[in-house]
Amino acid sequence: MTMKWVEVGSIGDIPLRGARCVNTPEGKIAVFRTAEGQVFAIEDRCPHKDGPLSQGIVHGTAVTCPLHNWVISLETGKALGADEGAVRTMPARVEGERLFIALGAAVEKAA
């Protein structure tokens, strides 16, 4: 599958330590912005019980699922600590104020 960059809004749409959920042909994607301004894009579902990660708490480069407190790495999509599982991640980039994610370029597949 060929990677295609898709504009999903403005970086200003996502507060620091926040997220925005976007619907794509590949499913719901959560786009996160860390306190340091880094941007990450992952599937918007926890590998545990499909909780909405976009509604979780962002800390460092991880997000805590709002349902059962699983912690997911925004960098790898993998569950941290004793939990096991993963979600797909995809490249994200910012050009000026415009925010893009790459579809068709999943870095990690769900376990």
PDB file of N, CA and C in Angstrom:
ATOM      1  N   MET A   1       0.849  -1.180   0.000  1.00  0.00           N
ATOM      2  CA  MET A   1       0.000   0.000   0.000  1.00  0.00           C
ATOM      3  C   MET A   1       0.897   1.246   0.000  1.00  0.00           C
ATOM      4  N   THR A   2       0.547   2.228  -0.798  1.00  0.00           N
ATOM      5  CA  THR A   2       1.327   3.447  -0.910  1.00  0.00           C
ATOM      6  C   THR A   2       0.910   4.439   0.167  1.00  0.00           C
ATOM      7  N   MET A   3       1.897   5.099   0.754  1.00  0.00           N
ATOM      8  CA  MET A   3       1.632   6.093   1.787  1.00  0.00           C
ATOM      9  C   MET A   3       1.066   7.358   1.154  1.00  0.00           C
ATOM     10  N   LYS A   4      -0.001   7.883   1.762  1.00  0.00           N
ATOM     11  CA  LYS A   4      -0.625   9.117   1.273  1.00  0.00           C
ATOM     12  C   LYS A   4      -0.803  10.064   2.456  1.00  0.00           C
ATOM     13  N   TRP A   5      -0.199  11.248   2.371  1.00  0.00           N
ATOM     14  CA  TRP A   5      -0.338  12.249   3.426  1.00  0.00           C
ATOM     15  C   TRP A   5      -1.686  12.945   3.279  1.00  0.00           C
ATOM     16  N   VAL A   6      -2.449  13.005   4.372  1.00  0.00           N
ATOM     17  CA  VAL A   6      -3.781  13.599   4.380  1.00  0.00           C
ATOM     18  C   VAL A   6      -3.823  14.693   5.441  1.00  0.00           C
ATOM     19  N   GLU A   7      -4.272  15.877   5.034  1.00  0.00           N
ATOM     20  CA  GLU A   7      -4.402  16.973   5.993  1.00  0.00           C
ATOM     21  C   GLU A   7      -5.605  16.709   6.881  1.00  0.00           C
ATOM     22  N   VAL A   8      -5.401  16.819   8.213  1.00  0.00           N
ATOM     23  CA  VAL A   8      -6.480  16.534   9.158  1.00  0.00           C
ATOM     24  C   VAL A   8      -6.822  17.733  10.040  1.00  0.00           C
ATOM     25  N   GLY A   9      -6.286  18.896   9.707  1.00  0.00           N
ATOM     26  CA  GLY A   9      -6.618  20.091  10.459  1.00  0.00           C
ATOM     27  C   GLY A   9      -5.400  20.929  10.748  1.00  0.00           C
ATOM     28  N   SER A  10      -5.546  21.755  11.773  1.00  0.00           N
ATOM     29  CA  SER A  10      -4.491  22.674  12.187  1.00  0.00           C
ATOM     30  C   SER A  10      -3.906  22.193  13.509  1.00  0.00           C
ATOM     31  N   ILE A  11      -2.621  22.426  13.706  1.00  0.00           N
ATOM     32  CA  ILE A  11      -1.986  22.051  14.970  1.00  0.00           C
ATOM     33  C   ILE A  11      -2.679  22.767  16.129  1.00  0.00           C
ATOM     34  N   GLY A  12      -3.226  23.947  15.880  1.00  0.00           N
ATOM     35  CA  GLY A  12      -3.945  24.691  16.908  1.00  0.00           C
ATOM     36  C   GLY A  12      -5.242  24.033  17.344  1.00  0.00           C
ATOM     37  N   ASP A  13      -5.731  23.047  16.554  1.00  0.00           N
ATOM     38  CA  ASP A  13      -6.953  22.318  16.908  1.00  0.00           C
ATOM     39  C   ASP A  13      -6.729  21.365  18.082  1.00  0.00           C
ATOM     40  N   ILE A  14      -5.457  21.055  18.369  1.00  0.00           N
ATOM     41  CA  ILE A  14      -5.138  20.088  19.417  1.00  0.00           C
ATOM     42  C   ILE A  14      -4.376  20.799  20.523  1.00  0.00           C
ATOM     43  N   PRO A  15      -4.955  20.872  21.722  1.00  0.00           N
ATOM     44  CA  PRO A  15      -4.245  21.531  22.819  1.00  0.00           C
ATOM     45  C   PRO A  15      -3.042  20.692  23.262  1.00  0.00           C
ATOM     46  N   LEU A  16      -2.078  21.331  23.906  1.00  0.00           N
ATOM     47  CA  LEU A  16      -0.975  20.577  24.486  1.00  0.00           C
ATOM     48  C   LEU A  16      -1.555  19.551  25.459  1.00  0.00           C
ATOM     49  N   ARG A  17      -1.001  18.331  25.451  1.00  0.00           N
ATOM     50  CA  ARG A  17      -1.479  17.199  26.252  1.00  0.00           C
ATOM     51  C   ARG A  17      -2.917  16.848  25.911  1.00  0.00           C
ATOM     52  N   GLY A  18      -3.286  17.022  24.630  1.00  0.00           N
ATOM     53  CA  GLY A  18      -4.639  16.714  24.198  1.00  0.00           C
ATOM     54  C   GLY A  18      -4.645  15.860  22.950  1.00  0.00           C
ATOM     55  N   ALA A  19      -5.847  15.608  22.448  1.00  0.00           N
ATOM     56  CA  ALA A  19      -6.003  14.769  21.262  1.00  0.00           C
ATOM     57  C   ALA A  19      -7.210  15.215  20.454  1.00  0.00           C
ATOM     58  N   ARG A  20      -7.219  14.763  19.226  1.00  0.00           N
ATOM     59  CA  ARG A  20      -8.343  14.980  18.325  1.00  0.00           C
ATOM     60  C   ARG A  20      -8.565  13.667  17.581  1.00  0.00           C
ATOM     61  N   CYS A  21      -9.803  13.273  17.437  1.00  0.00           N
ATOM     62  CA  CYS A  21     -10.128  12.038  16.722  1.00  0.00           C
ATOM     63  C   CYS A  21     -10.572  12.395  15.308  1.00  0.00           C
ATOM     64  N   VAL A  22     -10.020  11.689  14.319  1.00  0.00           N
ATOM     65  CA  VAL A  22     -10.414  11.921  12.936  1.00  0.00           C
ATOM     66  C   VAL A  22     -10.860  10.592  12.314  1.00  0.00           C
ATOM     67  N   ASN A  23     -11.914  10.666  11.521  1.00  0.00           N
ATOM     68  CA  ASN A  23     -12.390   9.489  10.796  1.00  0.00           C
ATOM     69  C   ASN A  23     -11.648   9.395   9.474  1.00  0.00           C
ATOM     70  N   THR A  24     -11.118   8.213   9.176  1.00  0.00           N
ATOM     71  CA  THR A  24     -10.390   7.987   7.932  1.00  0.00           C
ATOM     72  C   THR A  24     -10.880   6.690   7.310  1.00  0.00           C
ATOM     73  N   PRO A  25     -10.524   6.423   6.058  1.00  0.00           N
ATOM     74  CA  PRO A  25     -10.870   5.132   5.452  1.00  0.00           C
ATOM     75  C   PRO A  25     -10.253   3.954   6.217  1.00  0.00           C
ATOM     76  N   GLU A  26      -9.235   4.218   7.037  1.00  0.00           N
ATOM     77  CA  GLU A  26      -8.585   3.173   7.828  1.00  0.00           C
ATOM     78  C   GLU A  26      -9.146   3.088   9.239  1.00  0.00           C
ATOM     79  N   GLY A  27     -10.237   3.801   9.519  1.00  0.00           N
ATOM     80  CA  GLY A  27     -10.849   3.797  10.846  1.00  0.00           C
ATOM     81  C   GLY A  27     -10.580   5.089  11.590  1.00  0.00           C
ATOM     82  N   LYS A  28     -10.997   5.110  12.854  1.00  0.00           N
ATOM     83  CA  LYS A  28     -10.799   6.301  13.688  1.00  0.00           C
ATOM     84  C   LYS A  28      -9.342   6.370  14.117  1.00  0.00           C
ATOM     85  N   ILE A  29      -8.747   7.538  13.903  1.00  0.00           N
ATOM     86  CA  ILE A  29      -7.358   7.777  14.261  1.00  0.00           C
ATOM     87  C   ILE A  29      -7.324   8.910  15.296  1.00  0.00           C
ATOM     88  N   ALA A  30      -6.606   8.675  16.377  1.00  0.00           N
ATOM     89  CA  ALA A  30      -6.424   9.703  17.400  1.00  0.00           C
ATOM     90  C   ALA A  30      -5.088  10.398  17.136  1.00  0.00           C
ATOM     91  N   VAL A  31      -5.127  11.720  17.035  1.00  0.00           N
ATOM     92  CA  VAL A  31      -3.917  12.503  16.831  1.00  0.00           C
ATOM     93  C   VAL A  31      -3.641  13.240  18.134  1.00  0.00           C
ATOM     94  N   PHE A  32      -2.477  12.983  18.711  1.00  0.00           N
ATOM     95  CA  PHE A  32      -2.108  13.513  20.019  1.00  0.00           C
ATOM     96  C   PHE A  32      -1.034  14.578  19.903  1.00  0.00           C
ATOM     97  N   ARG A  33      -1.042  15.492  20.872  1.00  0.00           N
ATOM     98  CA  ARG A  33       0.002  16.509  20.989  1.00  0.00           C
ATOM     99  C   ARG A  33       0.505  16.485  22.425  1.00  0.00           C
ATOM    100  N   THR A  34       1.788  16.259  22.580  1.00  0.00           N
ATOM    101  CA  THR A  34       2.358  16.174  23.926  1.00  0.00           C
ATOM    102  C   THR A  34       2.586  17.563  24.503  1.00  0.00           C
ATOM    103  N   ALA A  35       2.968  17.604  25.777  1.00  0.00           N
ATOM    104  CA  ALA A  35       3.266  18.883  26.434  1.00  0.00           C
ATOM    105  C   ALA A  35       4.418  19.597  25.747  1.00  0.00           C
ATOM    106  N   GLU A  36       5.317  18.826  25.110  1.00  0.00           N
ATOM    107  CA  GLU A  36       6.464  19.401  24.395  1.00  0.00           C
ATOM    108  C   GLU A  36       6.126  19.751  22.946  1.00  0.00           C
ATOM    109  N   GLY A  37       4.884  19.488  22.519  1.00  0.00           N
ATOM    110  CA  GLY A  37       4.465  19.824  21.168  1.00  0.00           C
ATOM    111  C   GLY A  37       4.688  18.737  20.128  1.00  0.00           C
ATOM    112  N   GLN A  38       5.155  17.552  20.549  1.00  0.00           N
ATOM    113  CA  GLN A  38       5.308  16.445  19.596  1.00  0.00           C
ATOM    114  C   GLN A  38       3.925  15.964  19.175  1.00  0.00           C
ATOM    115  N   VAL A  39       3.820  15.467  17.941  1.00  0.00           N
ATOM    116  CA  VAL A  39       2.546  14.996  17.411  1.00  0.00           C
ATOM    117  C   VAL A  39       2.669  13.515  17.062  1.00  0.00           C
ATOM    118  N   PHE A  40       1.662  12.742  17.478  1.00  0.00           N
ATOM    119  CA  PHE A  40       1.614  11.301  17.208  1.00  0.00           C
ATOM    120  C   PHE A  40       0.218  10.925  16.734  1.00  0.00           C
ATOM    121  N   ALA A  41       0.130   9.895  15.896  1.00  0.00           N
ATOM    122  CA  ALA A  41      -1.162   9.398  15.421  1.00  0.00           C
ATOM    123  C   ALA A  41      -1.218   7.883  15.635  1.00  0.00           C
ATOM    124  N   ILE A  42      -2.288   7.431  16.311  1.00  0.00           N
ATOM    125  CA  ILE A  42      -2.492   6.004  16.564  1.00  0.00           C
ATOM    126  C   ILE A  42      -3.975   5.682  16.426  1.00  0.00           C
ATOM    127  N   GLU A  43      -4.283   4.397  16.313  1.00  0.00           N
ATOM    128  CA  GLU A  43      -5.684   3.969  16.301  1.00  0.00           C
ATOM    129  C   GLU A  43      -6.374   4.470  17.562  1.00  0.00           C
ATOM    130  N   ASP A  44      -7.628   4.878  17.429  1.00  0.00           N
ATOM    131  CA  ASP A  44      -8.371   5.406  18.574  1.00  0.00           C
ATOM    132  C   ASP A  44      -9.115   4.286  19.296  1.00  0.00           C
ATOM    133  N   ARG A  45      -8.380   3.235  19.678  1.00  0.00           N
ATOM    134  CA  ARG A  45      -9.007   2.150  20.426  1.00  0.00           C
ATOM    135  C   ARG A  45      -7.945   1.450  21.258  1.00  0.00           C
ATOM    136  N   CYS A  46      -8.255   1.280  22.516  1.00  0.00           N
ATOM    137  CA  CYS A  46      -7.343   0.572  23.405  1.00  0.00           C
ATOM    138  C   CYS A  46      -7.350  -0.916  23.047  1.00  0.00           C
ATOM    139  N   PRO A  47      -6.190  -1.578  23.058  1.00  0.00           N
ATOM    140  CA  PRO A  47      -6.164  -3.004  22.732  1.00  0.00           C
ATOM    141  C   PRO A  47      -6.831  -3.873  23.795  1.00  0.00           C
ATOM    142  N   HIS A  48      -7.151  -3.312  24.951  1.00  0.00           N
ATOM    143  CA  HIS A  48      -7.765  -4.073  26.034  1.00  0.00           C
ATOM    144  C   HIS A  48      -9.260  -4.268  25.797  1.00  0.00           C
ATOM    145  N   LYS A  49     -10.025  -3.184  25.812  1.00  0.00           N
ATOM    146  CA  LYS A  49     -11.484  -3.263  25.645  1.00  0.00           C
ATOM    147  C   LYS A  49     -12.003  -2.221  24.663  1.00  0.00           C
ATOM    148  N   ASP A  50     -11.144  -1.804  23.719  1.00  0.00           N
ATOM    149  CA  ASP A  50     -11.517  -0.840  22.676  1.00  0.00           C
ATOM    150  C   ASP A  50     -11.906   0.538  23.206  1.00  0.00           C
ATOM    151  N   GLY A  51     -11.385   0.920  24.357  1.00  0.00           N
ATOM    152  CA  GLY A  51     -11.666   2.252  24.910  1.00  0.00           C
ATOM    153  C   GLY A  51     -11.150   3.346  23.995  1.00  0.00           C
ATOM    154  N   PRO A  52     -11.786   4.529  24.008  1.00  0.00           N
ATOM    155  CA  PRO A  52     -11.389   5.647  23.150  1.00  0.00           C
ATOM    156  C   PRO A  52     -10.126   6.338  23.666  1.00  0.00           C
ATOM    157  N   LEU A  53      -8.985   6.002  23.111  1.00  0.00           N
ATOM    158  CA  LEU A  53      -7.723   6.580  23.570  1.00  0.00           C
ATOM    159  C   LEU A  53      -7.696   8.097  23.432  1.00  0.00           C
ATOM    160  N   SER A  54      -8.424   8.639  22.444  1.00  0.00           N
ATOM    161  CA  SER A  54      -8.448  10.092  22.245  1.00  0.00           C
ATOM    162  C   SER A  54      -9.039  10.817  23.450  1.00  0.00           C
ATOM    163  N   GLN A  55      -9.743  10.103  24.317  1.00  0.00           N
ATOM    164  CA  GLN A  55     -10.325  10.705  25.514  1.00  0.00           C
ATOM    165  C   GLN A  55      -9.479  10.440  26.756  1.00  0.00           C
ATOM    166  N   GLY A  56      -8.299   9.844  26.550  1.00  0.00           N
ATOM    167  CA  GLY A  56      -7.424   9.517  27.665  1.00  0.00           C
ATOM    168  C   GLY A  56      -6.559  10.679  28.100  1.00  0.00           C
ATOM    169  N   ILE A  57      -5.725  10.416  29.104  1.00  0.00           N
ATOM    170  CA  ILE A  57      -4.828  11.422  29.659  1.00  0.00           C
ATOM    171  C   ILE A  57      -3.451  11.253  29.032  1.00  0.00           C
ATOM    172  N   VAL A  58      -2.935  12.338  28.433  1.00  0.00           N
ATOM    173  CA  VAL A  58      -1.621  12.317  27.796  1.00  0.00           C
ATOM    174  C   VAL A  58      -0.568  12.710  28.835  1.00  0.00           C
ATOM    175  N   HIS A  59       0.481  11.881  28.944  1.00  0.00           N
ATOM    176  CA  HIS A  59       1.588  12.174  29.855  1.00  0.00           C
ATOM    177  C   HIS A  59       2.864  11.679  29.201  1.00  0.00           C
ATOM    178  N   GLY A  60       3.820  12.591  29.061  1.00  0.00           N
ATOM    179  CA  GLY A  60       5.041  12.245  28.335  1.00  0.00           C
ATOM    180  C   GLY A  60       4.684  11.864  26.912  1.00  0.00           C
ATOM    181  N   THR A  61       5.161  10.705  26.469  1.00  0.00           N
ATOM    182  CA  THR A  61       4.818  10.203  25.131  1.00  0.00           C
ATOM    183  C   THR A  61       3.934   8.965  25.265  1.00  0.00           C
ATOM    184  N   ALA A  62       2.982   9.036  26.193  1.00  0.00           N
ATOM    185  CA  ALA A  62       2.041   7.936  26.411  1.00  0.00           C
ATOM    186  C   ALA A  62       0.655   8.513  26.681  1.00  0.00           C
ATOM    187  N   VAL A  63      -0.351   7.632  26.569  1.00  0.00           N
ATOM    188  CA  VAL A  63      -1.722   8.008  26.898  1.00  0.00           C
ATOM    189  C   VAL A  63      -2.303   6.908  27.785  1.00  0.00           C
ATOM    190  N   THR A  64      -3.090   7.318  28.778  1.00  0.00           N
ATOM    191  CA  THR A  64      -3.758   6.362  29.654  1.00  0.00           C
ATOM    192  C   THR A  64      -5.208   6.248  29.212  1.00  0.00           C
ATOM    193  N   CYS A  65      -5.635   5.027  28.927  1.00  0.00           N
ATOM    194  CA  CYS A  65      -7.008   4.780  28.482  1.00  0.00           C
ATOM    195  C   CYS A  65      -7.989   5.193  29.575  1.00  0.00           C
ATOM    196  N   PRO A  66      -9.085   5.867  29.196  1.00  0.00           N
ATOM    197  CA  PRO A  66     -10.041   6.327  30.200  1.00  0.00           C
ATOM    198  C   PRO A  66     -10.882   5.205  30.806  1.00  0.00           C
ATOM    199  N   LEU A  67     -10.891   4.018  30.202  1.00  0.00           N
ATOM    200  CA  LEU A  67     -11.740   2.946  30.731  1.00  0.00           C
ATOM    201  C   LEU A  67     -11.085   2.145  31.851  1.00  0.00           C
ATOM    202  N   HIS A  68      -9.897   1.610  31.602  1.00  0.00           N
ATOM    203  CA  HIS A  68      -9.282   0.709  32.584  1.00  0.00           C
ATOM    204  C   HIS A  68      -7.822   1.047  32.880  1.00  0.00           C
ATOM    205  N   ASN A  69      -7.430   2.274  32.546  1.00  0.00           N
ATOM    206  CA  ASN A  69      -6.100   2.794  32.891  1.00  0.00           C
ATOM    207  C   ASN A  69      -4.917   2.079  32.241  1.00  0.00           C
ATOM    208  N   TRP A  70      -5.118   1.421  31.120  1.00  0.00           N
ATOM    209  CA  TRP A  70      -3.972   0.884  30.390  1.00  0.00           C
ATOM    210  C   TRP A  70      -3.179   2.060  29.850  1.00  0.00           C
ATOM    211  N   VAL A  71      -1.863   1.944  29.847  1.00  0.00           N
ATOM    212  CA  VAL A  71      -0.987   2.996  29.342  1.00  0.00           C
ATOM    213  C   VAL A  71      -0.418   2.531  28.007  1.00  0.00           C
ATOM    214  N   ILE A  72      -0.623   3.352  26.964  1.00  0.00           N
ATOM    215  CA  ILE A  72      -0.205   3.021  25.605  1.00  0.00           C
ATOM    216  C   ILE A  72       0.859   4.016  25.150  1.00  0.00           C
ATOM    217  N   SER A  73       1.963   3.500  24.608  1.00  0.00           N
ATOM    218  CA  SER A  73       3.021   4.355  24.067  1.00  0.00           C
ATOM    219  C   SER A  73       2.529   5.019  22.785  1.00  0.00           C
ATOM    220  N   LEU A  74       2.655   6.340  22.709  1.00  0.00           N
ATOM    221  CA  LEU A  74       2.288   7.046  21.479  1.00  0.00           C
ATOM    222  C   LEU A  74       3.331   6.815  20.396  1.00  0.00           C
ATOM    223  N   GLU A  75       4.551   6.468  20.781  1.00  0.00           N
ATOM    224  CA  GLU A  75       5.627   6.234  19.825  1.00  0.00           C
ATOM    225  C   GLU A  75       5.513   4.879  19.142  1.00  0.00           C
ATOM    226  N   THR A  76       5.151   3.836  19.905  1.00  0.00           N
ATOM    227  CA  THR A  76       5.130   2.474  19.348  1.00  0.00           C
ATOM    228  C   THR A  76       3.739   1.871  19.235  1.00  0.00           C
ATOM    229  N   GLY A  77       2.772   2.418  19.961  1.00  0.00           N
ATOM    230  CA  GLY A  77       1.426   1.847  19.984  1.00  0.00           C
ATOM    231  C   GLY A  77       1.292   0.665  20.931  1.00  0.00           C
ATOM    232  N   LYS A  78       2.380   0.313  21.612  1.00  0.00           N
ATOM    233  CA  LYS A  78       2.372  -0.861  22.493  1.00  0.00           C
ATOM    234  C   LYS A  78       1.950  -0.502  23.913  1.00  0.00           C
ATOM    235  N   ALA A  79       1.253  -1.455  24.551  1.00  0.00           N
ATOM    236  CA  ALA A  79       0.893  -1.303  25.955  1.00  0.00           C
ATOM    237  C   ALA A  79       2.162  -1.339  26.792  1.00  0.00           C
ATOM    238  N   LEU A  80       2.205  -0.500  27.821  1.00  0.00           N
ATOM    239  CA  LEU A  80       3.375  -0.416  28.694  1.00  0.00           C
ATOM    240  C   LEU A  80       3.100  -1.145  30.009  1.00  0.00           C
ATOM    241  N   GLY A  81       4.148  -1.444  30.740  1.00  0.00           N
ATOM    242  CA  GLY A  81       4.005  -2.142  32.012  1.00  0.00           C
ATOM    243  C   GLY A  81       3.712  -3.611  31.783  1.00  0.00           C
ATOM    244  N   ALA A  82       2.900  -4.183  32.656  1.00  0.00           N
ATOM    245  CA  ALA A  82       2.596  -5.615  32.590  1.00  0.00           C
ATOM    246  C   ALA A  82       1.555  -5.954  31.529  1.00  0.00           C
ATOM    247  N   ASP A  83       0.873  -4.948  30.999  1.00  0.00           N
ATOM    248  CA  ASP A  83      -0.173  -5.196  30.007  1.00  0.00           C
ATOM    249  C   ASP A  83       0.432  -5.538  28.651  1.00  0.00           C
ATOM    250  N   GLU A  84      -0.305  -6.337  27.861  1.00  0.00           N
ATOM    251  CA  GLU A  84       0.168  -6.729  26.535  1.00  0.00           C
ATOM    252  C   GLU A  84      -0.869  -6.380  25.488  1.00  0.00           C
ATOM    253  N   GLY A  85      -0.400  -5.929  24.334  1.00  0.00           N
ATOM    254  CA  GLY A  85      -1.266  -5.557  23.231  1.00  0.00           C
ATOM    255  C   GLY A  85      -0.699  -4.330  22.544  1.00  0.00           C
ATOM    256  N   ALA A  86      -1.250  -4.013  21.407  1.00  0.00           N
ATOM    257  CA  ALA A  86      -0.762  -2.858  20.646  1.00  0.00           C
ATOM    258  C   ALA A  86      -1.840  -2.367  19.706  1.00  0.00           C
ATOM    259  N   VAL A  87      -1.686  -1.113  19.304  1.00  0.00           N
ATOM    260  CA  VAL A  87      -2.537  -0.511  18.276  1.00  0.00           C
ATOM    261  C   VAL A  87      -1.633  -0.017  17.157  1.00  0.00           C
ATOM    262  N   ARG A  88      -2.213   0.205  15.999  1.00  0.00           N
ATOM    263  CA  ARG A  88      -1.439   0.714  14.862  1.00  0.00           C
ATOM    264  C   ARG A  88      -1.030   2.159  15.111  1.00  0.00           C
ATOM    265  N   THR A  89       0.138   2.494  14.646  1.00  0.00           N
ATOM    266  CA  THR A  89       0.597   3.877  14.653  1.00  0.00           C
ATOM    267  C   THR A  89       0.797   4.304  13.208  1.00  0.00           C
ATOM    268  N   MET A  90       0.758   5.592  12.960  1.00  0.00           N
ATOM    269  CA  MET A  90       1.051   6.104  11.629  1.00  0.00           C
ATOM    270  C   MET A  90       1.824   7.399  11.742  1.00  0.00           C
ATOM    271  N   PRO A  91       2.631   7.702  10.734  1.00  0.00           N
ATOM    272  CA  PRO A  91       3.403   8.946  10.766  1.00  0.00           C
ATOM    273  C   PRO A  91       2.488  10.171  10.812  1.00  0.00           C
ATOM    274  N   ALA A  92       2.945  11.197  11.516  1.00  0.00           N
ATOM    275  CA  ALA A  92       2.251  12.483  11.580  1.00  0.00           C
ATOM    276  C   ALA A  92       3.299  13.567  11.408  1.00  0.00           C
ATOM    277  N   ARG A  93       2.885  14.670  10.798  1.00  0.00           N
ATOM    278  CA  ARG A  93       3.820  15.795  10.634  1.00  0.00           C
ATOM    279  C   ARG A  93       3.049  17.105  10.632  1.00  0.00           C
ATOM    280  N   VAL A  94       3.781  18.170  10.929  1.00  0.00           N
ATOM    281  CA  VAL A  94       3.219  19.514  10.937  1.00  0.00           C
ATOM    282  C   VAL A  94       3.997  20.340   9.926  1.00  0.00           C
ATOM    283  N   GLU A  95       3.274  21.056   9.068  1.00  0.00           N
ATOM    284  CA  GLU A  95       3.882  21.986   8.107  1.00  0.00           C
ATOM    285  C   GLU A  95       3.250  23.348   8.356  1.00  0.00           C
ATOM    286  N   GLY A  96       4.009  24.233   8.960  1.00  0.00           N
ATOM    287  CA  GLY A  96       3.442  25.521   9.362  1.00  0.00           C
ATOM    288  C   GLY A  96       2.416  25.253  10.445  1.00  0.00           C
ATOM    289  N   GLU A  97       1.162  25.564  10.196  1.00  0.00           N
ATOM    290  CA  GLU A  97       0.072  25.271  11.128  1.00  0.00           C
ATOM    291  C   GLU A  97      -0.723  24.039  10.702  1.00  0.00           C
ATOM    292  N   ARG A  98      -0.440  23.505   9.504  1.00  0.00           N
ATOM    293  CA  ARG A  98      -1.220  22.386   8.961  1.00  0.00           C
ATOM    294  C   ARG A  98      -0.728  21.057   9.513  1.00  0.00           C
ATOM    295  N   LEU A  99      -1.669  20.186   9.858  1.00  0.00           N
ATOM    296  CA  LEU A  99      -1.380  18.893  10.462  1.00  0.00           C
ATOM    297  C   LEU A  99      -1.743  17.780   9.474  1.00  0.00           C
ATOM    298  N   PHE A 100      -0.812  16.838   9.281  1.00  0.00           N
ATOM    299  CA  PHE A 100      -0.998  15.739   8.335  1.00  0.00           C
ATOM    300  C   PHE A 100      -0.742  14.396   9.015  1.00  0.00           C
ATOM    301  N   ILE A 101      -1.465  13.357   8.561  1.00  0.00           N
ATOM    302  CA  ILE A 101      -1.134  11.984   8.934  1.00  0.00           C
ATOM    303  C   ILE A 101      -0.975  11.188   7.644  1.00  0.00           C
ATOM    304  N   ALA A 102      -0.187  10.126   7.729  1.00  0.00           N
ATOM    305  CA  ALA A 102       0.056   9.279   6.557  1.00  0.00           C
ATOM    306  C   ALA A 102      -0.841   8.054   6.632  1.00  0.00           C
ATOM    307  N   LEU A 103      -1.724   7.931   5.653  1.00  0.00           N
ATOM    308  CA  LEU A 103      -2.575   6.742   5.572  1.00  0.00           C
ATOM    309  C   LEU A 103      -1.896   5.714   4.677  1.00  0.00           C
ATOM    310  N   GLY A 104      -2.184   4.455   4.934  1.00  0.00           N
ATOM    311  CA  GLY A 104      -1.563   3.400   4.158  1.00  0.00           C
ATOM    312  C   GLY A 104      -0.142   3.130   4.585  1.00  0.00           C
ATOM    313  N   ALA A 105       0.230   3.639   5.767  1.00  0.00           N
ATOM    314  CA  ALA A 105       1.615   3.506   6.207  1.00  0.00           C
ATOM    315  C   ALA A 105       1.684   3.095   7.665  1.00  0.00           C
ATOM    316  N   ALA A 106       0.852   2.164   8.059  1.00  0.00           N
ATOM    317  CA  ALA A 106       0.850   1.731   9.466  1.00  0.00           C
ATOM    318  C   ALA A 106       2.239   1.264   9.852  1.00  0.00           C
ATOM    319  N   VAL A 107       2.742   1.795  10.940  1.00  0.00           N
ATOM    320  CA  VAL A 107       4.073   1.428  11.423  1.00  0.00           C
ATOM    321  C   VAL A 107       3.981   0.137  12.236  1.00  0.00           C
ATOM    322  N   GLU A 108       2.960   0.023  13.068  1.00  0.00           N
ATOM    323  CA  GLU A 108       2.762  -1.171  13.890  1.00  0.00           C
ATOM    324  C   GLU A 108       1.356  -1.700  13.656  1.00  0.00           C
ATOM    325  N   LYS A 109       1.240  -2.998  13.534  1.00  0.00           N
ATOM    326  CA  LYS A 109      -0.081  -3.626  13.426  1.00  0.00           C
ATOM    327  C   LYS A 109      -0.514  -4.057  14.816  1.00  0.00           C
ATOM    328  N   ALA A 110      -1.810  -4.089  15.024  1.00  0.00           N
ATOM    329  CA  ALA A 110      -2.329  -4.553  16.312  1.00  0.00           C
ATOM    330  C   ALA A 110      -1.875  -5.993  16.545  1.00  0.00           C
ATOM    331  N   ALA A 111      -1.549  -6.284  17.779  1.00  0.00           N
ATOM    332  CA  ALA A 111      -1.047  -7.621  18.122  1.00  0.00           C
ATOM    333  C   ALA A 111      -2.183  -8.633  18.144  1.00  0.00           C
TER     334      ALA A 111
END
